[in-house]
Amino acid sequence: MPRKDITPFSQAVYEATRLIPLGRVSTYGTIAKFLGKPRAARAVGNALHNNPLAPQVPCHRVVMSGGHLGGFAEGIKKKKKLLETEGVICKSGRVVNWSEIFFSFK
């Protein structure tokens, strides 16, 4: 059931983010395209930054295009640690095994 304090766009972002499986990552832009708003990657990032539903909405699984970790409300070290506990390999602020674990919502 949608919460009244969450906008419909943010709710859609959270629902899409829930689809990203454990040990996989997607991008802000991919979620925006999935939602039919291909120019809204920054808005996706803002919605995830304000995610009140973590950890049920695994916003740490969303990274920048090319596998760069991007931001995280709890800090980039925490995001890296969460990803690594799921088997995602990170080095120098980037997902190393990007092509193997990218989730595209197909």
PDB file of N, CA and C in Angstrom:
ATOM      1  N   MET A   1       0.843  -1.185   0.000  1.00  0.00           N
ATOM      2  CA  MET A   1       0.000   0.000   0.000  1.00  0.00           C
ATOM      3  C   MET A   1       0.885   1.244   0.000  1.00  0.00           C
ATOM      4  N   PRO A   2       0.660   2.155  -0.919  1.00  0.00           N
ATOM      5  CA  PRO A   2       1.483   3.373  -0.998  1.00  0.00           C
ATOM      6  C   PRO A   2       1.328   4.240   0.248  1.00  0.00           C
ATOM      7  N   ARG A   3       2.439   4.821   0.671  1.00  0.00           N
ATOM      8  CA  ARG A   3       2.406   5.760   1.793  1.00  0.00           C
ATOM      9  C   ARG A   3       2.024   7.135   1.280  1.00  0.00           C
ATOM     10  N   LYS A   4       1.276   7.888   2.076  1.00  0.00           N
ATOM     11  CA  LYS A   4       0.816   9.212   1.663  1.00  0.00           C
ATOM     12  C   LYS A   4       1.935  10.229   1.624  1.00  0.00           C
ATOM     13  N   ASP A   5       3.018   9.987   2.360  1.00  0.00           N
ATOM     14  CA  ASP A   5       4.118  10.946   2.388  1.00  0.00           C
ATOM     15  C   ASP A   5       5.144  10.703   1.273  1.00  0.00           C
ATOM     16  N   ILE A   6       4.892   9.731   0.409  1.00  0.00           N
ATOM     17  CA  ILE A   6       5.797   9.410  -0.699  1.00  0.00           C
ATOM     18  C   ILE A   6       5.087   9.762  -2.003  1.00  0.00           C
ATOM     19  N   THR A   7       5.761  10.533  -2.862  1.00  0.00           N
ATOM     20  CA  THR A   7       5.153  10.932  -4.135  1.00  0.00           C
ATOM     21  C   THR A   7       4.957   9.712  -5.029  1.00  0.00           C
ATOM     22  N   PRO A   8       4.026   9.789  -5.975  1.00  0.00           N
ATOM     23  CA  PRO A   8       3.834   8.674  -6.900  1.00  0.00           C
ATOM     24  C   PRO A   8       5.120   8.332  -7.674  1.00  0.00           C
ATOM     25  N   PHE A   9       5.904   9.347  -8.068  1.00  0.00           N
ATOM     26  CA  PHE A   9       7.151   9.071  -8.780  1.00  0.00           C
ATOM     27  C   PHE A   9       8.116   8.307  -7.879  1.00  0.00           C
ATOM     28  N   SER A  10       8.299   8.770  -6.651  1.00  0.00           N
ATOM     29  CA  SER A  10       9.201   8.083  -5.725  1.00  0.00           C
ATOM     30  C   SER A  10       8.720   6.661  -5.453  1.00  0.00           C
ATOM     31  N   GLN A  11       7.428   6.489  -5.298  1.00  0.00           N
ATOM     32  CA  GLN A  11       6.865   5.145  -5.083  1.00  0.00           C
ATOM     33  C   GLN A  11       7.217   4.233  -6.259  1.00  0.00           C
ATOM     34  N   ALA A  12       7.105   4.744  -7.485  1.00  0.00           N
ATOM     35  CA  ALA A  12       7.449   3.956  -8.666  1.00  0.00           C
ATOM     36  C   ALA A  12       8.941   3.615  -8.671  1.00  0.00           C
ATOM     37  N   VAL A  13       9.777   4.570  -8.282  1.00  0.00           N
ATOM     38  CA  VAL A  13      11.226   4.322  -8.196  1.00  0.00           C
ATOM     39  C   VAL A  13      11.501   3.215  -7.184  1.00  0.00           C
ATOM     40  N   TYR A  14      10.859   3.275  -6.036  1.00  0.00           N
ATOM     41  CA  TYR A  14      11.092   2.265  -4.996  1.00  0.00           C
ATOM     42  C   TYR A  14      10.617   0.886  -5.444  1.00  0.00           C
ATOM     43  N   GLU A  15       9.491   0.840  -6.122  1.00  0.00           N
ATOM     44  CA  GLU A  15       8.989  -0.442  -6.624  1.00  0.00           C
ATOM     45  C   GLU A  15       9.943  -1.031  -7.659  1.00  0.00           C
ATOM     46  N   ALA A  16      10.469  -0.199  -8.540  1.00  0.00           N
ATOM     47  CA  ALA A  16      11.444  -0.670  -9.533  1.00  0.00           C
ATOM     48  C   ALA A  16      12.721  -1.148  -8.845  1.00  0.00           C
ATOM     49  N   THR A  17      13.183  -0.405  -7.866  1.00  0.00           N
ATOM     50  CA  THR A  17      14.421  -0.747  -7.173  1.00  0.00           C
ATOM     51  C   THR A  17      14.295  -2.080  -6.451  1.00  0.00           C
ATOM     52  N   ARG A  18      13.115  -2.378  -5.941  1.00  0.00           N
ATOM     53  CA  ARG A  18      12.879  -3.671  -5.280  1.00  0.00           C
ATOM     54  C   ARG A  18      13.078  -4.852  -6.229  1.00  0.00           C
ATOM     55  N   LEU A  19      12.973  -4.615  -7.518  1.00  0.00           N
ATOM     56  CA  LEU A  19      13.125  -5.689  -8.508  1.00  0.00           C
ATOM     57  C   LEU A  19      14.577  -6.089  -8.740  1.00  0.00           C
ATOM     58  N   ILE A  20      15.518  -5.261  -8.320  1.00  0.00           N
ATOM     59  CA  ILE A  20      16.942  -5.560  -8.549  1.00  0.00           C
ATOM     60  C   ILE A  20      17.342  -6.686  -7.610  1.00  0.00           C
ATOM     61  N   PRO A  21      17.759  -7.823  -8.157  1.00  0.00           N
ATOM     62  CA  PRO A  21      18.075  -8.978  -7.310  1.00  0.00           C
ATOM     63  C   PRO A  21      19.348  -8.788  -6.476  1.00  0.00           C
ATOM     64  N   LEU A  22      19.433  -9.540  -5.418  1.00  0.00           N
ATOM     65  CA  LEU A  22      20.613  -9.594  -4.573  1.00  0.00           C
ATOM     66  C   LEU A  22      21.842  -9.889  -5.435  1.00  0.00           C
ATOM     67  N   GLY A  23      22.901  -9.133  -5.234  1.00  0.00           N
ATOM     68  CA  GLY A  23      24.133  -9.364  -5.973  1.00  0.00           C
ATOM     69  C   GLY A  23      24.169  -8.769  -7.369  1.00  0.00           C
ATOM     70  N   ARG A  24      23.165  -7.983  -7.706  1.00  0.00           N
ATOM     71  CA  ARG A  24      23.094  -7.329  -9.012  1.00  0.00           C
ATOM     72  C   ARG A  24      22.991  -5.829  -8.796  1.00  0.00           C
ATOM     73  N   VAL A  25      23.302  -5.046  -9.818  1.00  0.00           N
ATOM     74  CA  VAL A  25      23.168  -3.594  -9.759  1.00  0.00           C
ATOM     75  C   VAL A  25      22.490  -3.083 -11.029  1.00  0.00           C
ATOM     76  N   SER A  26      21.890  -1.923 -10.911  1.00  0.00           N
ATOM     77  CA  SER A  26      21.336  -1.224 -12.064  1.00  0.00           C
ATOM     78  C   SER A  26      21.743   0.235 -11.936  1.00  0.00           C
ATOM     79  N   THR A  27      21.288   1.064 -12.874  1.00  0.00           N
ATOM     80  CA  THR A  27      21.671   2.473 -12.849  1.00  0.00           C
ATOM     81  C   THR A  27      20.452   3.365 -12.663  1.00  0.00           C
ATOM     82  N   TYR A  28      20.737   4.599 -12.258  1.00  0.00           N
ATOM     83  CA  TYR A  28      19.682   5.596 -12.122  1.00  0.00           C
ATOM     84  C   TYR A  28      18.981   5.786 -13.469  1.00  0.00           C
ATOM     85  N   GLY A  29      19.755   5.861 -14.535  1.00  0.00           N
ATOM     86  CA  GLY A  29      19.200   6.047 -15.873  1.00  0.00           C
ATOM     87  C   GLY A  29      18.372   4.875 -16.338  1.00  0.00           C
ATOM     88  N   THR A  30      18.781   3.670 -15.997  1.00  0.00           N
ATOM     89  CA  THR A  30      18.027   2.478 -16.383  1.00  0.00           C
ATOM     90  C   THR A  30      16.674   2.455 -15.691  1.00  0.00           C
ATOM     91  N   ILE A  31      16.647   2.838 -14.432  1.00  0.00           N
ATOM     92  CA  ILE A  31      15.372   2.910 -13.720  1.00  0.00           C
ATOM     93  C   ILE A  31      14.488   3.988 -14.344  1.00  0.00           C
ATOM     94  N   ALA A  32      15.069   5.141 -14.665  1.00  0.00           N
ATOM     95  CA  ALA A  32      14.301   6.213 -15.297  1.00  0.00           C
ATOM     96  C   ALA A  32      13.679   5.734 -16.616  1.00  0.00           C
ATOM     97  N   LYS A  33      14.458   5.051 -17.428  1.00  0.00           N
ATOM     98  CA  LYS A  33      13.931   4.526 -18.701  1.00  0.00           C
ATOM     99  C   LYS A  33      12.835   3.507 -18.458  1.00  0.00           C
ATOM    100  N   PHE A  34      13.042   2.620 -17.480  1.00  0.00           N
ATOM    101  CA  PHE A  34      12.053   1.607 -17.132  1.00  0.00           C
ATOM    102  C   PHE A  34      10.721   2.255 -16.744  1.00  0.00           C
ATOM    103  N   LEU A  35      10.793   3.404 -16.098  1.00  0.00           N
ATOM    104  CA  LEU A  35       9.589   4.123 -15.666  1.00  0.00           C
ATOM    105  C   LEU A  35       8.990   4.996 -16.768  1.00  0.00           C
ATOM    106  N   GLY A  36       9.614   4.974 -17.958  1.00  0.00           N
ATOM    107  CA  GLY A  36       9.101   5.773 -19.068  1.00  0.00           C
ATOM    108  C   GLY A  36       9.493   7.231 -19.003  1.00  0.00           C
ATOM    109  N   LYS A  37      10.513   7.541 -18.210  1.00  0.00           N
ATOM    110  CA  LYS A  37      10.996   8.915 -18.067  1.00  0.00           C
ATOM    111  C   LYS A  37      12.508   8.931 -18.265  1.00  0.00           C
ATOM    112  N   PRO A  38      12.963   8.723 -19.499  1.00  0.00           N
ATOM    113  CA  PRO A  38      14.392   8.530 -19.756  1.00  0.00           C
ATOM    114  C   PRO A  38      15.302   9.691 -19.364  1.00  0.00           C
ATOM    115  N   ARG A  39      14.756  10.866 -19.154  1.00  0.00           N
ATOM    116  CA  ARG A  39      15.590  12.018 -18.771  1.00  0.00           C
ATOM    117  C   ARG A  39      15.569  12.285 -17.262  1.00  0.00           C
ATOM    118  N   ALA A  40      15.024  11.347 -16.500  1.00  0.00           N
ATOM    119  CA  ALA A  40      14.812  11.572 -15.073  1.00  0.00           C
ATOM    120  C   ALA A  40      15.808  10.846 -14.166  1.00  0.00           C
ATOM    121  N   ALA A  41      17.002  10.566 -14.656  1.00  0.00           N
ATOM    122  CA  ALA A  41      17.987   9.846 -13.836  1.00  0.00           C
ATOM    123  C   ALA A  41      18.301  10.597 -12.544  1.00  0.00           C
ATOM    124  N   ARG A  42      18.447  11.903 -12.632  1.00  0.00           N
ATOM    125  CA  ARG A  42      18.743  12.696 -11.430  1.00  0.00           C
ATOM    126  C   ARG A  42      17.569  12.638 -10.436  1.00  0.00           C
ATOM    127  N   ALA A  43      16.354  12.663 -10.946  1.00  0.00           N
ATOM    128  CA  ALA A  43      15.173  12.561 -10.072  1.00  0.00           C
ATOM    129  C   ALA A  43      15.117  11.197  -9.392  1.00  0.00           C
ATOM    130  N   VAL A  44      15.520  10.158 -10.108  1.00  0.00           N
ATOM    131  CA  VAL A  44      15.611   8.821  -9.511  1.00  0.00           C
ATOM    132  C   VAL A  44      16.613   8.847  -8.361  1.00  0.00           C
ATOM    133  N   GLY A  45      17.767   9.450  -8.598  1.00  0.00           N
ATOM    134  CA  GLY A  45      18.783   9.567  -7.557  1.00  0.00           C
ATOM    135  C   GLY A  45      18.279  10.323  -6.340  1.00  0.00           C
ATOM    136  N   ASN A  46      17.551  11.405  -6.572  1.00  0.00           N
ATOM    137  CA  ASN A  46      16.996  12.177  -5.461  1.00  0.00           C
ATOM    138  C   ASN A  46      15.973  11.360  -4.671  1.00  0.00           C
ATOM    139  N   ALA A  47      15.142  10.616  -5.367  1.00  0.00           N
ATOM    140  CA  ALA A  47      14.156   9.773  -4.678  1.00  0.00           C
ATOM    141  C   ALA A  47      14.858   8.726  -3.819  1.00  0.00           C
ATOM    142  N   LEU A  48      15.909   8.119  -4.370  1.00  0.00           N
ATOM    143  CA  LEU A  48      16.623   7.090  -3.618  1.00  0.00           C
ATOM    144  C   LEU A  48      17.406   7.683  -2.453  1.00  0.00           C
ATOM    145  N   HIS A  49      17.902   8.893  -2.613  1.00  0.00           N
ATOM    146  CA  HIS A  49      18.615   9.548  -1.519  1.00  0.00           C
ATOM    147  C   HIS A  49      17.683   9.768  -0.323  1.00  0.00           C
ATOM    148  N   ASN A  50      16.404   9.963  -0.602  1.00  0.00           N
ATOM    149  CA  ASN A  50      15.407  10.197   0.444  1.00  0.00           C
ATOM    150  C   ASN A  50      14.592   8.949   0.777  1.00  0.00           C
ATOM    151  N   ASN A  51      15.106   7.789   0.446  1.00  0.00           N
ATOM    152  CA  ASN A  51      14.417   6.515   0.605  1.00  0.00           C
ATOM    153  C   ASN A  51      14.107   6.205   2.076  1.00  0.00           C
ATOM    154  N   PRO A  52      12.824   6.292   2.484  1.00  0.00           N
ATOM    155  CA  PRO A  52      12.474   5.968   3.863  1.00  0.00           C
ATOM    156  C   PRO A  52      12.205   4.480   4.070  1.00  0.00           C
ATOM    157  N   LEU A  53      12.326   3.695   3.014  1.00  0.00           N
ATOM    158  CA  LEU A  53      11.952   2.290   3.071  1.00  0.00           C
ATOM    159  C   LEU A  53      13.146   1.329   3.051  1.00  0.00           C
ATOM    160  N   ALA A  54      14.351   1.856   3.222  1.00  0.00           N
ATOM    161  CA  ALA A  54      15.524   0.979   3.276  1.00  0.00           C
ATOM    162  C   ALA A  54      15.463   0.163   4.563  1.00  0.00           C
ATOM    163  N   PRO A  55      15.867  -1.058   4.559  1.00  0.00           N
ATOM    164  CA  PRO A  55      16.512  -1.829   3.504  1.00  0.00           C
ATOM    165  C   PRO A  55      15.547  -2.583   2.589  1.00  0.00           C
ATOM    166  N   GLN A  56      14.221  -2.451   2.819  1.00  0.00           N
ATOM    167  CA  GLN A  56      13.276  -3.143   1.932  1.00  0.00           C
ATOM    168  C   GLN A  56      13.421  -2.671   0.492  1.00  0.00           C
ATOM    169  N   VAL A  57      13.793  -1.417   0.315  1.00  0.00           N
ATOM    170  CA  VAL A  57      14.112  -0.875  -1.010  1.00  0.00           C
ATOM    171  C   VAL A  57      15.636  -0.760  -1.046  1.00  0.00           C
ATOM    172  N   PRO A  58      16.302  -1.680  -1.735  1.00  0.00           N
ATOM    173  CA  PRO A  58      17.765  -1.761  -1.697  1.00  0.00           C
ATOM    174  C   PRO A  58      18.449  -0.726  -2.594  1.00  0.00           C
ATOM    175  N   CYS A  59      18.383   0.535  -2.177  1.00  0.00           N
ATOM    176  CA  CYS A  59      18.905   1.620  -3.009  1.00  0.00           C
ATOM    177  C   CYS A  59      20.422   1.522  -3.204  1.00  0.00           C
ATOM    178  N   HIS A  60      21.114   0.748  -2.368  1.00  0.00           N
ATOM    179  CA  HIS A  60      22.555   0.577  -2.556  1.00  0.00           C
ATOM    180  C   HIS A  60      22.871  -0.183  -3.837  1.00  0.00           C
ATOM    181  N   ARG A  61      21.896  -0.844  -4.427  1.00  0.00           N
ATOM    182  CA  ARG A  61      22.099  -1.599  -5.671  1.00  0.00           C
ATOM    183  C   ARG A  61      21.984  -0.727  -6.917  1.00  0.00           C
ATOM    184  N   VAL A  62      21.792   0.568  -6.737  1.00  0.00           N
ATOM    185  CA  VAL A  62      21.688   1.488  -7.870  1.00  0.00           C
ATOM    186  C   VAL A  62      22.965   2.319  -7.930  1.00  0.00           C
ATOM    187  N   VAL A  63      23.608   2.280  -9.099  1.00  0.00           N
ATOM    188  CA  VAL A  63      24.889   2.960  -9.296  1.00  0.00           C
ATOM    189  C   VAL A  63      24.803   3.865 -10.526  1.00  0.00           C
ATOM    190  N   MET A  64      25.861   4.615 -10.751  1.00  0.00           N
ATOM    191  CA  MET A  64      25.913   5.493 -11.920  1.00  0.00           C
ATOM    192  C   MET A  64      26.225   4.669 -13.169  1.00  0.00           C
ATOM    193  N   SER A  65      25.999   5.254 -14.323  1.00  0.00           N
ATOM    194  CA  SER A  65      26.311   4.563 -15.568  1.00  0.00           C
ATOM    195  C   SER A  65      27.798   4.234 -15.612  1.00  0.00           C
ATOM    196  N   GLY A  66      28.122   3.098 -16.169  1.00  0.00           N
ATOM    197  CA  GLY A  66      29.511   2.662 -16.228  1.00  0.00           C
ATOM    198  C   GLY A  66      29.987   1.989 -14.961  1.00  0.00           C
ATOM    199  N   GLY A  67      29.123   1.897 -13.952  1.00  0.00           N
ATOM    200  CA  GLY A  67      29.472   1.182 -12.737  1.00  0.00           C
ATOM    201  C   GLY A  67      30.057   1.998 -11.613  1.00  0.00           C
ATOM    202  N   HIS A  68      30.171   3.309 -11.779  1.00  0.00           N
ATOM    203  CA  HIS A  68      30.657   4.143 -10.674  1.00  0.00           C
ATOM    204  C   HIS A  68      29.620   4.116  -9.554  1.00  0.00           C
ATOM    205  N   LEU A  69      30.078   4.039  -8.317  1.00  0.00           N
ATOM    206  CA  LEU A  69      29.169   3.846  -7.193  1.00  0.00           C
ATOM    207  C   LEU A  69      28.187   4.989  -6.996  1.00  0.00           C
ATOM    208  N   GLY A  70      28.575   6.209  -7.294  1.00  0.00           N
ATOM    209  CA  GLY A  70      27.669   7.339  -7.111  1.00  0.00           C
ATOM    210  C   GLY A  70      27.526   7.676  -5.647  1.00  0.00           C
ATOM    211  N   GLY A  71      26.394   8.215  -5.266  1.00  0.00           N
ATOM    212  CA  GLY A  71      26.184   8.635  -3.894  1.00  0.00           C
ATOM    213  C   GLY A  71      25.395   7.623  -3.088  1.00  0.00           C
ATOM    214  N   PHE A  72      25.298   7.920  -1.792  1.00  0.00           N
ATOM    215  CA  PHE A  72      24.538   7.073  -0.876  1.00  0.00           C
ATOM    216  C   PHE A  72      24.302   7.879   0.382  1.00  0.00           C
ATOM    217  N   ALA A  73      23.082   7.909   0.860  1.00  0.00           N
ATOM    218  CA  ALA A  73      22.739   8.729   2.025  1.00  0.00           C
ATOM    219  C   ALA A  73      23.575   8.382   3.256  1.00  0.00           C
ATOM    220  N   GLU A  74      23.948   7.119   3.394  1.00  0.00           N
ATOM    221  CA  GLU A  74      24.735   6.683   4.547  1.00  0.00           C
ATOM    222  C   GLU A  74      26.238   6.698   4.278  1.00  0.00           C
ATOM    223  N   GLY A  75      26.645   7.224   3.143  1.00  0.00           N
ATOM    224  CA  GLY A  75      28.064   7.315   2.808  1.00  0.00           C
ATOM    225  C   GLY A  75      28.497   6.218   1.851  1.00  0.00           C
ATOM    226  N   ILE A  76      29.449   6.555   1.021  1.00  0.00           N
ATOM    227  CA  ILE A  76      29.900   5.644  -0.034  1.00  0.00           C
ATOM    228  C   ILE A  76      30.578   4.390   0.531  1.00  0.00           C
ATOM    229  N   LYS A  77      31.242   4.509   1.675  1.00  0.00           N
ATOM    230  CA  LYS A  77      31.878   3.329   2.292  1.00  0.00           C
ATOM    231  C   LYS A  77      30.825   2.294   2.678  1.00  0.00           C
ATOM    232  N   LYS A  78      29.709   2.769   3.205  1.00  0.00           N
ATOM    233  CA  LYS A  78      28.610   1.869   3.581  1.00  0.00           C
ATOM    234  C   LYS A  78      28.007   1.211   2.340  1.00  0.00           C
ATOM    235  N   LYS A  79      27.834   1.981   1.260  1.00  0.00           N
ATOM    236  CA  LYS A  79      27.300   1.428   0.016  1.00  0.00           C
ATOM    237  C   LYS A  79      28.221   0.338  -0.506  1.00  0.00           C
ATOM    238  N   LYS A  80      29.509   0.615  -0.521  1.00  0.00           N
ATOM    239  CA  LYS A  80      30.506  -0.366  -0.987  1.00  0.00           C
ATOM    240  C   LYS A  80      30.445  -1.631  -0.137  1.00  0.00           C
ATOM    241  N   LYS A  81      30.358  -1.473   1.166  1.00  0.00           N
ATOM    242  CA  LYS A  81      30.310  -2.625   2.069  1.00  0.00           C
ATOM    243  C   LYS A  81      29.057  -3.467   1.818  1.00  0.00           C
ATOM    244  N   LEU A  82      27.902  -2.805   1.673  1.00  0.00           N
ATOM    245  CA  LEU A  82      26.659  -3.520   1.398  1.00  0.00           C
ATOM    246  C   LEU A  82      26.748  -4.302   0.088  1.00  0.00           C
ATOM    247  N   LEU A  83      27.279  -3.663  -0.950  1.00  0.00           N
ATOM    248  CA  LEU A  83      27.419  -4.340  -2.243  1.00  0.00           C
ATOM    249  C   LEU A  83      28.368  -5.529  -2.137  1.00  0.00           C
ATOM    250  N   GLU A  84      29.470  -5.337  -1.453  1.00  0.00           N
ATOM    251  CA  GLU A  84      30.456  -6.420  -1.329  1.00  0.00           C
ATOM    252  C   GLU A  84      29.904  -7.601  -0.536  1.00  0.00           C
ATOM    253  N   THR A  85      29.040  -7.349   0.452  1.00  0.00           N
ATOM    254  CA  THR A  85      28.442  -8.471   1.181  1.00  0.00           C
ATOM    255  C   THR A  85      27.505  -9.285   0.294  1.00  0.00           C
ATOM    256  N   GLU A  86      27.076  -8.690  -0.825  1.00  0.00           N
ATOM    257  CA  GLU A  86      26.215  -9.381  -1.779  1.00  0.00           C
ATOM    258  C   GLU A  86      27.025 -10.004  -2.925  1.00  0.00           C
ATOM    259  N   GLY A  87      28.349  -9.880  -2.870  1.00  0.00           N
ATOM    260  CA  GLY A  87      29.188 -10.477  -3.901  1.00  0.00           C
ATOM    261  C   GLY A  87      29.580  -9.559  -5.034  1.00  0.00           C
ATOM    262  N   VAL A  88      29.209  -8.282  -4.934  1.00  0.00           N
ATOM    263  CA  VAL A  88      29.576  -7.301  -5.954  1.00  0.00           C
ATOM    264  C   VAL A  88      31.011  -6.848  -5.664  1.00  0.00           C
ATOM    265  N   ILE A  89      31.846  -6.901  -6.669  1.00  0.00           N
ATOM    266  CA  ILE A  89      33.246  -6.529  -6.503  1.00  0.00           C
ATOM    267  C   ILE A  89      33.413  -5.044  -6.831  1.00  0.00           C
ATOM    268  N   CYS A  90      33.931  -4.280  -5.872  1.00  0.00           N
ATOM    269  CA  CYS A  90      34.126  -2.840  -6.039  1.00  0.00           C
ATOM    270  C   CYS A  90      35.605  -2.503  -5.842  1.00  0.00           C
ATOM    271  N   LYS A  91      36.090  -1.604  -6.689  1.00  0.00           N
ATOM    272  CA  LYS A  91      37.465  -1.138  -6.561  1.00  0.00           C
ATOM    273  C   LYS A  91      37.540   0.275  -7.110  1.00  0.00           C
ATOM    274  N   SER A  92      38.210   1.148  -6.383  1.00  0.00           N
ATOM    275  CA  SER A  92      38.380   2.547  -6.792  1.00  0.00           C
ATOM    276  C   SER A  92      37.050   3.235  -7.100  1.00  0.00           C
ATOM    277  N   GLY A  93      36.044   2.975  -6.270  1.00  0.00           N
ATOM    278  CA  GLY A  93      34.753   3.632  -6.434  1.00  0.00           C
ATOM    279  C   GLY A  93      33.923   3.150  -7.591  1.00  0.00           C
ATOM    280  N   ARG A  94      34.194   1.928  -8.043  1.00  0.00           N
ATOM    281  CA  ARG A  94      33.527   1.417  -9.240  1.00  0.00           C
ATOM    282  C   ARG A  94      33.237  -0.066  -9.088  1.00  0.00           C
ATOM    283  N   VAL A  95      32.156  -0.532  -9.699  1.00  0.00           N
ATOM    284  CA  VAL A  95      31.842  -1.961  -9.735  1.00  0.00           C
ATOM    285  C   VAL A  95      32.755  -2.602 -10.776  1.00  0.00           C
ATOM    286  N   VAL A  96      33.535  -3.584 -10.349  1.00  0.00           N
ATOM    287  CA  VAL A  96      34.523  -4.211 -11.237  1.00  0.00           C
ATOM    288  C   VAL A  96      33.857  -5.205 -12.191  1.00  0.00           C
ATOM    289  N   ASN A  97      32.969  -6.036 -11.686  1.00  0.00           N
ATOM    290  CA  ASN A  97      32.337  -7.074 -12.507  1.00  0.00           C
ATOM    291  C   ASN A  97      31.012  -6.588 -13.110  1.00  0.00           C
ATOM    292  N   TRP A  98      31.038  -5.356 -13.555  1.00  0.00           N
ATOM    293  CA  TRP A  98      29.871  -4.650 -14.102  1.00  0.00           C
ATOM    294  C   TRP A  98      29.100  -5.452 -15.143  1.00  0.00           C
ATOM    295  N   SER A  99      29.768  -5.931 -16.166  1.00  0.00           N
ATOM    296  CA  SER A  99      29.064  -6.601 -17.268  1.00  0.00           C
ATOM    297  C   SER A  99      28.405  -7.906 -16.824  1.00  0.00           C
ATOM    298  N   GLU A 100      28.899  -8.513 -15.775  1.00  0.00           N
ATOM    299  CA  GLU A 100      28.341  -9.781 -15.292  1.00  0.00           C
ATOM    300  C   GLU A 100      27.102  -9.587 -14.420  1.00  0.00           C
ATOM    301  N   ILE A 101      26.994  -8.449 -13.750  1.00  0.00           N
ATOM    302  CA  ILE A 101      25.940  -8.305 -12.747  1.00  0.00           C
ATOM    303  C   ILE A 101      24.947  -7.180 -13.042  1.00  0.00           C
ATOM    304  N   PHE A 102      25.073  -6.514 -14.185  1.00  0.00           N
ATOM    305  CA  PHE A 102      24.152  -5.422 -14.515  1.00  0.00           C
ATOM    306  C   PHE A 102      22.743  -5.968 -14.711  1.00  0.00           C
ATOM    307  N   PHE A 103      21.759  -5.327 -14.095  1.00  0.00           N
ATOM    308  CA  PHE A 103      20.351  -5.707 -14.193  1.00  0.00           C
ATOM    309  C   PHE A 103      19.620  -4.655 -15.015  1.00  0.00           C
ATOM    310  N   SER A 104      18.965  -5.081 -16.099  1.00  0.00           N
ATOM    311  CA  SER A 104      18.392  -4.125 -17.043  1.00  0.00           C
ATOM    312  C   SER A 104      16.864  -4.087 -17.100  1.00  0.00           C
ATOM    313  N   PHE A 105      16.154  -4.779 -16.234  1.00  0.00           N
ATOM    314  CA  PHE A 105      14.684  -4.760 -16.203  1.00  0.00           C
ATOM    315  C   PHE A 105      14.051  -5.310 -17.478  1.00  0.00           C
ATOM    316  N   LYS A 106      14.675  -6.252 -18.146  1.00  0.00           N
ATOM    317  CA  LYS A 106      14.080  -6.817 -19.386  1.00  0.00           C
ATOM    318  C   LYS A 106      13.149  -7.950 -19.084  1.00  0.00           C
TER     319      LYS A 106
END
